[in-house]
Protein backbone atom coordinates (compact mmCIF):
# COMPACT_ATOMS: atom_id res chain seq x y z
CA MET A 1 -21.62 4.83 -4.33
CA SER A 2 -19.70 1.74 -4.28
CA LEU A 3 -19.53 -0.45 -7.37
CA ARG A 4 -20.91 -3.23 -5.42
CA LYS A 5 -23.90 -1.49 -4.68
CA SER A 6 -24.28 0.04 -8.18
CA GLY A 7 -23.70 -3.18 -9.93
CA VAL A 8 -21.32 -1.74 -12.45
CA TYR A 9 -17.91 -3.29 -12.41
CA THR A 10 -16.68 -2.74 -15.96
CA GLY A 11 -16.16 -0.07 -18.47
CA ILE A 12 -13.59 1.85 -16.57
CA LEU A 13 -11.78 3.93 -19.15
CA THR A 14 -9.56 6.21 -17.15
CA LEU A 15 -6.04 5.12 -16.85
CA PHE A 16 -5.31 4.02 -13.31
CA ILE A 17 -1.58 4.02 -12.68
CA PHE A 18 -0.08 2.04 -9.68
CA GLY A 19 3.49 2.84 -9.46
CA LEU A 20 5.36 1.06 -6.66
CA VAL A 21 9.20 0.56 -7.07
CA GLY A 22 10.44 -2.75 -5.96
CA CYS A 23 13.82 -4.85 -6.35
CA GLY A 24 15.16 -8.28 -5.60
CA THR A 25 13.51 -11.58 -5.58
CA VAL A 26 11.74 -13.55 -2.97
CA LYS A 27 10.32 -16.99 -3.69
CA ASN A 28 6.55 -17.15 -3.50
CA SER A 29 4.24 -20.17 -3.43
CA GLU A 30 0.89 -21.11 -2.06
CA SER A 31 0.65 -21.34 1.73
CA GLN A 32 4.42 -21.03 1.95
CA GLU A 33 6.41 -20.63 5.19
CA SER A 34 9.66 -19.54 4.00
CA SER A 35 11.18 -16.44 5.60
CA SER A 36 13.10 -13.43 4.40
CA SER A 37 15.70 -11.54 6.60
CA MET A 38 15.55 -7.67 6.29
CA SER A 39 16.85 -4.98 8.39
CA GLU A 40 14.98 -4.04 11.47
CA GLU A 41 14.88 -0.28 10.46
CA THR A 42 12.81 -1.29 7.30
CA SER A 43 10.66 -3.96 8.65
CA GLU A 44 6.88 -3.85 8.94
CA THR A 45 7.17 -4.60 12.58
CA ALA A 46 9.29 -1.44 13.15
CA HIS A 47 6.21 0.57 12.18
CA ASP A 48 4.51 2.17 14.85
CA HIS A 49 1.15 0.97 13.62
CA ASP A 50 -1.91 1.16 15.85
CA HIS A 51 -4.18 -1.91 15.88
CA SER A 52 -7.90 -2.14 15.97
CA HIS A 53 -7.35 -5.52 17.37
CA VAL A 54 -6.10 -6.47 20.87
CA LYS A 55 -2.30 -6.68 20.61
CA THR A 56 -1.75 -10.51 20.78
CA PRO A 57 1.64 -11.84 20.48
CA ALA A 58 0.98 -12.52 16.73
CA ALA A 59 0.06 -8.83 16.24
CA GLU A 60 3.36 -8.02 17.93
CA GLY A 61 5.25 -10.03 15.39
CA ILE A 62 5.78 -13.00 17.74
CA PHE A 63 4.58 -16.38 16.50
CA GLU A 64 5.65 -19.75 15.06
CA ASP A 65 5.55 -20.24 11.40
CA SER A 66 3.26 -23.41 12.06
CA GLU A 67 0.77 -20.97 13.52
CA VAL A 68 0.27 -19.27 10.16
CA GLU A 69 -2.88 -20.24 8.22
CA ASP A 70 -4.47 -19.52 4.86
CA ARG A 71 -7.08 -16.85 4.70
CA THR A 72 -9.69 -15.98 2.18
CA LEU A 73 -10.59 -12.77 0.51
CA SER A 74 -13.91 -12.70 2.40
CA GLU A 75 -12.02 -11.66 5.52
CA TRP A 76 -11.36 -8.25 3.89
CA GLU A 77 -14.68 -7.96 2.41
CA GLY A 78 -16.55 -4.63 2.73
CA GLU A 79 -16.14 -0.86 1.88
CA TRP A 80 -13.04 0.86 3.05
CA GLN A 81 -11.73 4.29 3.28
CA SER A 82 -8.12 5.48 3.27
CA VAL A 83 -6.85 7.29 6.24
CA PHE A 84 -4.61 9.41 4.18
CA PRO A 85 -7.03 12.35 3.71
CA TYR A 86 -7.40 12.69 7.42
CA LEU A 87 -3.74 12.89 7.87
CA GLU A 88 -3.37 15.61 5.26
CA ALA A 89 -6.19 17.55 6.89
CA GLY A 90 -4.56 17.42 10.25
CA LYS A 91 -7.11 15.22 11.84
CA LEU A 92 -4.65 12.60 13.05
CA ASP A 93 -2.40 15.15 14.72
CA GLU A 94 -3.62 14.00 18.04
CA VAL A 95 -2.45 10.58 17.33
CA PHE A 96 1.11 11.81 16.46
CA GLU A 97 1.28 14.01 19.61
CA HIS A 98 0.29 11.03 21.64
CA LYS A 99 2.99 8.81 20.10
CA ALA A 100 5.71 11.36 20.82
CA GLU A 101 4.98 11.35 24.54
CA ASP A 102 6.78 8.01 24.88
CA GLY A 103 8.28 7.51 21.52
CA GLU A 104 11.67 8.28 19.98
CA LYS A 105 10.36 10.83 17.47
CA THR A 106 8.69 14.29 17.84
CA ALA A 107 5.12 14.73 16.63
CA ASP A 108 6.16 16.35 13.46
CA GLU A 109 8.67 13.40 12.83
CA TYR A 110 5.94 10.82 13.31
CA LYS A 111 3.61 12.76 11.15
CA GLU A 112 6.26 12.76 8.38
CA TYR A 113 6.83 9.03 8.68
CA TYR A 114 3.18 8.31 8.52
CA THR A 115 2.69 10.57 5.59
CA ILE A 116 4.97 8.36 3.56
CA GLY A 117 3.43 5.11 4.83
CA TYR A 118 -0.14 6.31 4.44
CA GLN A 119 0.36 8.28 1.07
CA THR A 120 -2.01 6.97 -1.68
CA ASP A 121 -4.51 8.46 -4.22
CA VAL A 122 -6.85 5.45 -3.91
CA GLU A 123 -9.54 6.98 -1.79
CA LYS A 124 -11.70 3.85 -1.34
CA ILE A 125 -11.64 0.14 -1.73
CA ASP A 126 -14.59 -2.09 -2.15
CA ILE A 127 -14.28 -5.90 -1.82
CA PHE A 128 -17.03 -8.17 -2.79
CA GLN A 129 -16.52 -11.98 -3.10
CA ASP A 130 -13.41 -12.23 -5.43
CA LEU A 131 -13.85 -8.56 -6.92
CA ILE A 132 -11.72 -5.77 -5.58
CA SER A 133 -12.64 -2.21 -6.86
CA PHE A 134 -10.37 0.88 -6.46
CA TYR A 135 -11.73 4.51 -6.49
CA LYS A 136 -9.51 7.20 -7.77
CA ASP A 137 -10.19 10.65 -9.13
CA GLY A 138 -14.06 9.81 -9.34
CA GLU A 139 -13.62 6.65 -11.24
CA TRP A 140 -13.57 2.89 -10.23
CA ALA A 141 -11.27 0.24 -11.69
CA SER A 142 -12.01 -3.43 -10.72
CA GLY A 143 -10.43 -6.88 -11.03
CA ASN A 144 -11.15 -10.37 -10.11
CA TYR A 145 -8.39 -11.68 -7.78
CA GLU A 146 -7.20 -15.26 -6.86
CA TYR A 147 -5.44 -16.25 -3.62
CA ALA A 148 -1.60 -16.76 -4.16
CA GLY A 149 -0.59 -17.96 -0.66
CA TYR A 150 1.03 -16.08 2.05
CA LYS A 151 4.67 -14.94 2.80
CA ILE A 152 6.25 -14.88 6.17
CA LEU A 153 8.74 -12.11 6.53
CA THR A 154 11.47 -12.57 9.23
CA TYR A 155 13.40 -9.49 10.41
CA GLU A 156 16.75 -9.26 12.21
CA SER A 157 14.96 -8.25 15.31
CA GLY A 158 13.39 -11.86 15.35
CA LYS A 159 9.97 -10.43 14.90
CA LYS A 160 7.87 -11.51 12.04
CA GLY A 161 5.01 -10.28 9.67
CA VAL A 162 2.78 -12.03 7.21
CA ARG A 163 1.44 -10.75 3.95
CA TYR A 164 -1.40 -12.46 2.17
CA LEU A 165 -0.98 -12.41 -1.60
CA PHE A 166 -3.62 -12.12 -4.38
CA ASP A 167 -3.17 -12.12 -8.17
CA LYS A 168 -5.51 -10.51 -10.59
CA VAL A 169 -7.01 -13.07 -13.05
CA LYS A 170 -9.21 -10.79 -15.17
CA GLY A 171 -10.61 -7.29 -14.94
CA ASP A 172 -9.88 -3.67 -15.88
CA GLU A 173 -6.40 -3.07 -17.05
CA ALA A 174 -6.07 -0.18 -14.52
CA ALA A 175 -6.52 -2.61 -11.72
CA PRO A 176 -3.31 -3.51 -10.08
CA LYS A 177 -1.88 -6.87 -10.99
CA SER A 178 -0.64 -7.97 -7.60
CA ILE A 179 -2.06 -7.27 -4.13
CA GLN A 180 -0.87 -8.05 -0.62
CA PHE A 181 -2.77 -7.53 2.64
CA SER A 182 -1.07 -7.04 6.03
CA ASP A 183 -3.29 -6.65 9.13
CA HIS A 184 -1.34 -8.27 11.96
CA ILE A 185 -3.58 -11.24 11.75
CA ILE A 186 -2.08 -14.61 10.95
CA ALA A 187 -5.16 -17.03 10.85
CA PRO A 188 -8.77 -16.84 9.65
CA GLU A 189 -10.38 -13.88 11.19
CA GLN A 190 -12.33 -10.69 9.86
CA SER A 191 -10.04 -7.74 9.47
CA GLY A 192 -10.59 -4.48 11.33
CA HIS A 193 -8.32 -2.45 9.41
CA TYR A 194 -5.42 -3.32 6.99
CA HIS A 195 -2.37 -2.21 5.13
CA ILE A 196 -2.25 -2.98 1.47
CA TYR A 197 0.64 -3.20 -1.06
CA PHE A 198 -0.45 -3.16 -4.65
CA GLY A 199 0.96 -2.45 -8.06
CA ASN A 200 1.78 -4.02 -11.56
CA LEU A 201 4.83 -5.62 -10.18
CA SER A 202 5.37 -9.27 -9.56
CA GLN A 203 4.58 -10.52 -6.07
CA GLU A 204 8.22 -11.17 -5.34
CA GLU A 205 9.16 -7.51 -6.21
CA LEU A 206 6.25 -6.16 -4.31
CA LEU A 207 7.23 -7.87 -1.20
CA LYS A 208 10.18 -5.52 -1.03
CA GLU A 209 8.11 -2.38 -0.57
CA MET A 210 8.42 -1.44 3.07
CA ASP A 211 8.01 2.34 3.11
CA ASN A 212 4.55 2.87 1.70
CA TRP A 213 1.62 0.95 3.11
CA PRO A 214 -1.66 2.60 2.44
CA THR A 215 -3.93 1.98 5.31
CA TYR A 216 -7.81 1.45 5.30
CA TYR A 217 -10.53 1.35 7.78
CA PRO A 218 -14.17 0.56 7.31
CA ALA A 219 -16.00 3.19 5.46
CA SER A 220 -18.67 3.29 8.00
CA MET A 221 -16.30 4.77 10.68
CA SER A 222 -16.13 8.41 11.62
CA THR A 223 -12.94 10.40 11.87
CA SER A 224 -13.29 10.35 15.75
CA ALA A 225 -13.81 6.61 15.88
CA ILE A 226 -10.60 6.04 13.65
CA VAL A 227 -8.62 8.31 15.91
CA HIS A 228 -9.95 6.42 19.01
CA GLU A 229 -8.99 3.19 17.47
CA MET A 230 -5.51 4.38 16.79
CA LEU A 231 -5.08 5.94 20.28
CA TYR A 232 -6.37 3.18 22.50
CA HIS A 233 -6.03 -0.16 20.49
């Protein structure tokens, strides 16, 4: 049962460790449009992500900075499930085999790549108004978050990505200090799935994380529906 439905948001006593390792400094401000150059090999757009949205130019990393707009947390509101357990159980193997047909990696290599990307012990995320709750090992940790602007990342390939930043303003100590959403959308629109970066790092440090991007789909979606989205969208 989600915290939002049970009405219990506090009293989480279990230590909830979010350990992401970041380095370097990237300037962050509300609604900023500055860019950061990074290698194509480590860029978000280098990921072979499958999108639940139609692949617009923006979703492919092609857009003007002026097209990027602020978004509210309500666009990620809902109950979400991690896809990592499905990967571990072999239920996404069909997706990796499909990628290998036209890709540059074997199915096993794709699976290894996505294992690193999807890896997380946060099984569920529940978002309601400004409250984000994280479910791990049978316990919830929650925090209230405030919008901290967006960051446009520009890569050597010329393609771009946008992360939307949120800072914890109060809540359980175990809830992460910084959160960043990336869902291939650059203006107000309800998210269909997303990649999330979170931890007790500063936003500037967290922006350096490129290898691990836990991915979440609506909790109501079945395994077959998720696989279908990954294969055909």
